[in-house]
Protein backbone atom coordinates (compact mmCIF):
# COMPACT_ATOMS: atom_id res chain seq x y z
CA UNK A 1 8.85 107.71 -57.22
CA UNK A 2 11.43 108.29 -59.90
CA UNK A 3 11.29 105.54 -61.68
CA UNK A 4 10.35 103.90 -65.21
CA UNK A 5 6.51 103.26 -64.98
CA UNK A 6 7.24 107.92 -63.67
CA UNK A 7 9.06 108.47 -66.63
CA UNK A 8 6.93 106.74 -69.12
CA UNK A 9 3.40 108.48 -67.64
CA UNK A 10 5.04 111.88 -68.39
CA UNK A 11 6.34 111.21 -71.60
CA UNK A 12 2.72 110.28 -72.60
CA UNK A 13 1.31 113.63 -70.39
CA UNK A 14 4.19 115.47 -72.03
CA UNK A 15 2.72 114.69 -75.53
CA UNK A 16 -0.69 116.93 -74.71
CA UNK A 17 -4.05 116.24 -74.13
CA UNK A 18 -3.68 113.15 -72.35
CA UNK A 19 -6.61 111.74 -70.37
CA UNK A 20 -6.45 109.44 -67.63
CA UNK A 21 -7.21 106.32 -69.83
CA UNK A 22 -3.52 106.60 -71.72
CA UNK A 23 -1.67 106.52 -68.47
CA UNK A 24 -4.41 103.83 -66.42
CA UNK A 25 -2.50 101.18 -66.77
CA UNK A 26 0.54 102.91 -65.77
CA UNK A 27 -0.65 103.90 -62.94
CA UNK A 28 -2.29 101.45 -61.36
CA UNK A 29 -2.50 101.00 -57.66
CA UNK A 30 -2.26 97.48 -57.76
CA UNK A 31 0.46 97.68 -59.90
CA UNK A 32 2.14 99.72 -57.82
CA UNK A 33 0.86 97.54 -54.26
CA UNK A 34 2.48 94.17 -56.63
CA UNK A 35 5.69 96.00 -57.79
CA UNK A 36 6.47 96.74 -53.84
CA UNK A 37 5.37 93.39 -52.82
CA UNK A 38 8.36 92.32 -55.35
CA UNK A 39 10.81 94.62 -54.68
CA UNK A 40 9.82 95.86 -58.20
CA UNK A 41 10.79 99.22 -58.27
CA UNK A 42 10.32 100.31 -61.93
CA UNK A 43 7.26 98.17 -61.49
CA UNK A 44 4.98 100.90 -60.80
CA UNK A 45 3.83 104.06 -59.22
CA UNK A 46 3.59 104.75 -55.78
CA UNK A 47 4.15 108.22 -52.83
CA UNK A 48 7.59 108.88 -52.20
CA UNK A 49 7.02 112.56 -50.32
CA UNK A 50 9.80 114.66 -50.54
CA UNK A 51 11.95 113.65 -48.11
CA UNK A 52 13.44 111.38 -51.02
CA UNK A 53 15.46 114.27 -52.47
CA UNK A 54 17.10 113.94 -48.60
CA UNK A 55 18.25 110.93 -49.19
CA UNK A 56 22.11 110.69 -50.44
CA UNK A 57 22.89 107.76 -49.15
CA UNK A 58 21.67 103.78 -48.42
CA UNK A 59 23.47 102.73 -45.20
CA UNK A 60 24.14 99.14 -43.79
CA UNK A 61 21.01 99.00 -40.33
CA UNK A 62 24.90 98.80 -38.59
CA UNK A 63 25.80 101.97 -40.10
CA UNK A 64 22.46 103.58 -39.48
CA UNK A 65 22.53 102.36 -35.74
CA UNK A 66 26.23 103.34 -35.89
CA UNK A 67 25.06 106.47 -36.93
CA UNK A 68 22.41 107.67 -34.78
CA UNK A 69 24.23 106.03 -31.73
CA UNK A 70 27.03 108.52 -32.33
CA UNK A 71 24.57 111.50 -33.24
CA UNK A 72 23.05 111.57 -29.00
CA UNK A 73 25.60 110.77 -28.05
CA UNK A 74 27.44 113.90 -29.03
CA UNK A 75 24.27 115.71 -28.96
CA UNK A 76 24.35 114.61 -25.05
CA UNK A 77 28.12 115.61 -24.57
CA UNK A 78 26.95 119.23 -26.22
CA UNK A 79 24.15 119.34 -24.12
CA UNK A 80 25.67 118.65 -20.74
CA UNK A 81 28.46 120.95 -21.46
CA UNK A 82 26.15 123.59 -21.97
CA UNK A 83 24.83 122.60 -18.16
CA UNK A 84 28.40 122.31 -16.76
CA UNK A 85 28.80 125.65 -18.13
CA UNK A 86 26.25 127.57 -17.34
CA UNK A 87 25.78 125.80 -13.21
CA UNK A 88 29.40 127.05 -13.30
CA UNK A 89 28.85 130.64 -13.49
CA UNK A 90 25.36 130.06 -11.63
CA UNK A 91 27.76 129.46 -8.36
CA UNK A 92 30.25 132.35 -9.09
CA UNK A 93 27.84 134.90 -9.48
């Protein structure tokens, strides 16, 4: 996760010759755990994975559920329409 602490670690590593001891206090697991527990997004380091690059907004729960429902309805409608067309073609054949 790119944040204040991870940027500090990158800066230290870019200087060259960095050892674990140089970043140990910044990357300590307890520091990251405490930061997450306290909601401090810049207080430590934690893994987020590549999926974070696909996040373009942070909707409210209501907006997210509404989107999921709308997408599900679209998928269901398309599949049912496809089934109806296939059934009609089979009957007329």
